[in-house]
N, C-alpha and C. Protein backbone atom coordinates (compact mmCIF):
# COMPACT_ATOMS: atom_id res chain seq x y z
N MET A 1 45.90 102.18 44.22
CA MET A 1 44.84 102.20 43.64
C MET A 1 44.58 100.51 42.83
N ARG A 2 45.40 100.15 42.54
CA ARG A 2 45.35 98.64 42.03
C ARG A 2 44.09 97.42 43.72
N HIS A 3 45.26 98.03 44.63
CA HIS A 3 44.21 97.60 46.13
C HIS A 3 43.39 98.10 46.27
N ARG A 4 42.42 99.23 46.41
CA ARG A 4 41.12 99.94 46.73
C ARG A 4 40.35 99.52 45.58
N LEU A 5 40.17 99.57 44.43
CA LEU A 5 39.50 98.69 43.93
C LEU A 5 39.28 97.08 44.14
N ALA A 6 40.12 96.10 43.98
CA ALA A 6 40.06 95.39 44.81
C ALA A 6 39.60 95.25 45.92
N GLU A 7 38.45 95.64 46.57
CA GLU A 7 38.37 96.02 47.78
C GLU A 7 36.94 96.77 47.66
N ARG A 8 36.86 97.05 46.73
CA ARG A 8 35.68 97.21 46.45
C ARG A 8 34.54 96.05 45.77
N ASP A 9 32.77 96.02 46.08
CA ASP A 9 31.74 95.60 45.88
C ASP A 9 31.54 95.23 43.57
N LEU A 10 32.76 95.43 43.47
CA LEU A 10 32.66 95.93 41.98
C LEU A 10 32.48 94.16 40.65
N THR A 11 31.52 94.30 40.32
CA THR A 11 31.77 93.00 38.99
C THR A 11 32.48 93.97 37.39
N PHE A 12 32.91 93.06 36.68
CA PHE A 12 33.33 93.40 35.57
C PHE A 12 33.54 92.44 34.32
N ALA A 13 32.81 93.04 33.63
CA ALA A 13 32.63 93.46 32.29
C ALA A 13 33.30 92.78 30.29
N VAL A 14 34.04 91.88 30.79
CA VAL A 14 34.85 91.67 29.52
C VAL A 14 34.21 90.77 28.52
N ASN A 15 34.23 91.42 27.11
CA ASN A 15 34.01 91.05 25.72
C ASN A 15 35.19 89.84 25.74
N VAL A 16 35.40 89.01 25.27
CA VAL A 16 36.20 87.71 24.89
C VAL A 16 35.94 87.24 23.52
N SER A 17 37.22 87.30 22.36
CA SER A 17 37.36 86.48 21.23
C SER A 17 37.39 86.29 21.11
N PRO A 18 36.62 85.10 19.57
CA PRO A 18 36.99 84.03 19.96
C PRO A 18 38.76 83.73 19.74
N VAL A 19 38.96 84.62 19.12
CA VAL A 19 40.53 83.83 18.92
C VAL A 19 41.09 83.64 20.63
N GLN A 20 40.85 85.16 21.52
CA GLN A 20 41.37 84.25 23.18
C GLN A 20 41.42 82.50 23.35
N LEU A 21 40.11 83.23 22.64
CA LEU A 21 39.77 81.44 23.64
C LEU A 21 40.71 80.65 22.70
N ARG A 22 40.98 80.76 22.07
CA ARG A 22 41.91 80.17 21.34
C ARG A 22 42.97 79.98 21.44
N SER A 23 43.78 80.74 22.36
CA SER A 23 45.24 80.56 23.44
C SER A 23 44.90 80.23 24.14
N PRO A 24 45.98 78.86 24.17
CA PRO A 24 46.03 77.90 25.51
C PRO A 24 45.97 78.60 26.73
N GLY A 25 47.12 79.14 27.02
CA GLY A 25 47.29 80.20 27.67
C GLY A 25 45.81 80.72 28.42
N PHE A 26 45.16 81.37 27.45
CA PHE A 26 43.69 82.44 27.77
C PHE A 26 43.89 82.48 29.27
N ALA A 27 43.38 81.25 29.65
CA ALA A 27 42.89 80.98 31.42
C ALA A 27 42.98 81.47 31.85
N ASP A 28 45.17 80.93 31.37
CA ASP A 28 45.49 81.10 33.30
C ASP A 28 46.29 82.59 32.80
N GLY A 29 46.35 82.91 31.68
CA GLY A 29 46.20 84.27 31.86
C GLY A 29 45.57 85.30 32.76
N VAL A 30 44.04 84.85 32.28
CA VAL A 30 43.51 85.32 32.44
C VAL A 30 43.46 85.32 34.20
N LEU A 31 43.59 84.52 35.00
CA LEU A 31 43.80 84.14 36.09
C LEU A 31 44.92 84.44 37.11
N ASP A 32 45.94 84.53 35.75
CA ASP A 32 47.16 85.41 36.52
C ASP A 32 47.26 86.91 37.12
N ARG A 33 46.40 87.26 35.68
CA ARG A 33 45.72 88.96 36.74
C ARG A 33 45.41 89.28 37.14
N LEU A 34 44.46 87.58 37.28
CA LEU A 34 43.53 88.20 38.64
C LEU A 34 44.47 88.90 39.85
N ALA A 35 44.99 87.74 40.47
CA ALA A 35 46.13 87.47 41.57
C ALA A 35 46.45 88.03 41.84
N GLU A 36 47.50 89.38 40.45
CA GLU A 36 48.10 89.35 40.13
C GLU A 36 48.53 90.32 40.87
N HIS A 37 46.38 91.04 40.72
CA HIS A 37 45.55 92.86 41.55
C HIS A 37 44.58 92.41 41.68
N GLY A 38 45.19 91.49 43.13
CA GLY A 38 44.22 90.95 44.63
C GLY A 38 42.65 90.86 43.60
N VAL A 39 42.39 90.67 42.95
CA VAL A 39 40.90 90.64 42.78
C VAL A 39 39.97 89.44 41.96
N PRO A 40 39.25 89.23 43.46
CA PRO A 40 38.57 87.34 43.10
C PRO A 40 38.06 87.70 42.39
N ALA A 41 38.07 86.08 41.98
CA ALA A 41 37.84 85.50 40.27
C ALA A 41 35.77 86.15 39.94
N ASP A 42 35.86 85.69 40.92
CA ASP A 42 33.68 86.08 41.19
C ASP A 42 33.47 87.63 40.92
N ARG A 43 34.49 88.17 40.87
CA ARG A 43 33.89 89.56 40.38
C ARG A 43 34.86 89.99 38.88
N LEU A 44 35.04 88.62 38.37
CA LEU A 44 34.78 88.83 36.62
C LEU A 44 33.75 88.52 35.85
N VAL A 45 33.20 88.66 35.06
CA VAL A 45 32.23 88.40 34.49
C VAL A 45 32.88 88.37 32.45
N LEU A 46 32.43 87.23 32.19
CA LEU A 46 33.76 87.24 30.46
C LEU A 46 32.53 86.84 29.87
N GLU A 47 32.07 87.74 29.08
CA GLU A 47 30.45 87.07 27.68
C GLU A 47 31.81 86.96 27.20
N VAL A 48 31.58 85.95 26.44
CA VAL A 48 31.50 84.89 25.30
C VAL A 48 30.73 85.15 24.63
N THR A 49 30.66 85.56 22.99
CA THR A 49 29.63 85.71 22.52
C THR A 49 29.11 84.47 22.11
N GLU A 50 27.77 83.94 21.62
CA GLU A 50 27.05 83.02 21.01
C GLU A 50 28.11 82.05 19.48
N SER A 51 29.03 83.45 18.52
CA SER A 51 29.16 83.37 17.19
C SER A 51 30.95 82.44 18.14
N SER A 52 31.46 82.64 18.98
CA SER A 52 32.40 82.13 19.89
C SER A 52 32.42 80.66 19.81
N PHE A 53 32.01 80.39 20.36
CA PHE A 53 31.06 78.36 20.07
C PHE A 53 30.80 77.94 18.19
N VAL A 54 30.39 78.95 17.48
CA VAL A 54 31.30 78.39 16.30
C VAL A 54 31.82 78.37 15.84
N HIS A 55 32.70 79.87 16.08
CA HIS A 55 34.10 79.22 14.92
C HIS A 55 35.01 78.70 15.70
N VAL A 56 34.75 78.52 17.70
CA VAL A 56 36.21 78.32 17.71
C VAL A 56 35.22 77.00 18.19
N GLY A 57 33.99 76.41 18.74
CA GLY A 57 33.72 75.33 18.84
C GLY A 57 34.90 75.06 20.44
N ASP A 58 34.37 73.73 20.28
CA ASP A 58 35.63 72.70 21.52
C ASP A 58 36.72 73.15 21.72
N LEU A 59 37.64 74.42 20.91
CA LEU A 59 38.87 74.72 21.83
C LEU A 59 37.85 75.47 22.57
N ALA A 60 37.04 76.44 22.66
CA ALA A 60 36.75 77.21 23.58
C ALA A 60 36.30 76.58 25.23
N VAL A 61 35.78 75.24 25.35
CA VAL A 61 35.28 74.35 26.47
C VAL A 61 36.09 74.51 27.23
N PRO A 62 37.62 73.84 27.27
CA PRO A 62 38.21 74.15 28.32
C PRO A 62 38.45 75.33 28.63
N GLN A 63 38.71 76.49 27.53
CA GLN A 63 39.53 77.60 28.68
C GLN A 63 38.84 77.94 29.64
N ILE A 64 37.15 78.28 28.69
CA ILE A 64 35.92 78.23 29.68
C ILE A 64 35.63 77.82 30.97
N GLU A 65 36.20 76.47 30.72
CA GLU A 65 35.51 75.23 32.38
C GLU A 65 36.82 75.86 33.16
N ARG A 66 37.46 76.44 32.57
CA ARG A 66 38.61 76.50 34.26
C ARG A 66 38.82 76.94 34.29
N LEU A 67 38.27 78.89 33.55
CA LEU A 67 37.73 79.27 34.15
C LEU A 67 36.32 79.80 35.38
N ALA A 68 35.50 79.62 34.99
CA ALA A 68 34.34 78.89 35.96
C ALA A 68 34.44 78.44 36.70
N GLU A 69 35.84 77.42 36.93
CA GLU A 69 36.00 76.17 38.12
C GLU A 69 36.81 77.32 39.33
N ALA A 70 37.43 78.84 38.80
CA ALA A 70 38.32 79.35 39.48
C ALA A 70 37.20 80.18 39.37
N GLY A 71 36.04 80.84 39.46
CA GLY A 71 35.50 81.61 39.63
C GLY A 71 34.48 82.11 38.65
N VAL A 72 34.98 82.38 38.25
CA VAL A 72 34.71 83.27 36.84
C VAL A 72 33.42 83.72 36.71
N VAL A 73 32.56 83.91 35.99
CA VAL A 73 30.79 83.31 35.56
C VAL A 73 30.96 84.20 33.95
N ILE A 74 30.75 83.76 33.74
CA ILE A 74 31.00 83.30 31.95
C ILE A 74 29.20 83.42 31.60
N ALA A 75 29.64 84.60 30.80
CA ALA A 75 27.80 84.90 29.89
C ALA A 75 28.26 84.71 28.98
N VAL A 76 26.60 83.59 28.27
CA VAL A 76 26.13 83.82 26.67
C VAL A 76 25.90 85.19 26.08
N ASP A 77 26.88 86.16 25.25
CA ASP A 77 26.21 87.98 24.85
C ASP A 77 26.06 87.49 23.20
N ASP A 78 24.58 87.68 23.46
CA ASP A 78 23.84 87.45 21.79
C ASP A 78 23.56 86.95 21.21
N PHE A 79 23.60 85.71 22.04
CA PHE A 79 23.06 84.27 21.78
C PHE A 79 21.64 84.35 20.85
N GLY A 80 20.83 83.36 19.74
CA GLY A 80 20.16 83.88 19.32
C GLY A 80 19.90 84.45 17.86
N ALA A 81 21.04 85.12 17.98
CA ALA A 81 21.63 86.45 16.95
C ALA A 81 21.73 86.04 16.00
N GLY A 82 22.36 84.58 15.33
CA GLY A 82 22.71 84.33 14.21
C GLY A 82 22.92 82.51 14.53
N ARG A 83 23.72 82.62 14.07
CA ARG A 83 23.86 80.18 14.17
C ARG A 83 24.63 80.23 15.78
N HIS A 84 23.80 78.95 16.08
CA HIS A 84 23.78 78.44 17.25
C HIS A 84 24.79 77.04 17.19
N ARG A 85 25.10 77.02 18.38
CA ARG A 85 25.50 75.30 18.74
C ARG A 85 25.47 75.40 20.38
N TRP A 86 23.89 75.36 19.88
CA TRP A 86 23.93 74.98 21.98
C TRP A 86 24.14 73.84 21.88
N ALA A 87 25.04 73.10 22.09
CA ALA A 87 24.66 71.47 21.68
C ALA A 87 26.34 71.73 23.40
N THR A 88 27.60 72.55 22.23
CA THR A 88 28.83 73.07 22.89
C THR A 88 28.63 74.09 24.04
N CYS A 89 26.68 74.53 23.61
CA CYS A 89 27.30 75.47 24.51
C CYS A 89 25.97 75.90 25.68
N ALA A 90 25.92 74.12 26.02
CA ALA A 90 25.13 73.12 26.77
C ALA A 90 25.87 73.03 27.56
N GLY A 91 26.84 72.25 27.17
CA GLY A 91 27.95 71.94 27.89
C GLY A 91 29.40 72.62 28.24
N CYS A 92 28.80 73.96 28.42
CA CYS A 92 30.27 74.24 29.42
C CYS A 92 29.56 75.51 30.65
N ARG A 93 29.91 75.70 31.96
CA ARG A 93 29.32 76.18 32.69
C ARG A 93 29.43 77.43 32.54
N CYS A 94 28.86 77.87 31.71
CA CYS A 94 28.07 79.72 31.89
C CYS A 94 27.42 79.72 32.61
N GLY A 95 26.69 80.95 33.35
CA GLY A 95 26.34 81.46 34.24
C GLY A 95 25.63 82.28 34.72
N ARG A 96 25.29 83.15 32.84
CA ARG A 96 24.29 83.86 32.01
C ARG A 96 23.88 83.67 30.57
């Protein structure tokens, strides 16, 4: 079944928590799972809340950059809902 899903033109959106973004191996783990299941990176949209940038700040940027460079789409979810760090968000390669 996993191979049939990888062949279909589906996009998966997944929410990411600040705790996950703090984990140094998070980006590599995501990329490893995509490769393991044969899913192209551009089929994954990771939704990062604006508050993740407030709680994690600069720790999130390397994780997001690593994923974006591999082709994963990064979406900022709930932007404008609370305190924001536009300077940090603007420095990332967010696709949505």
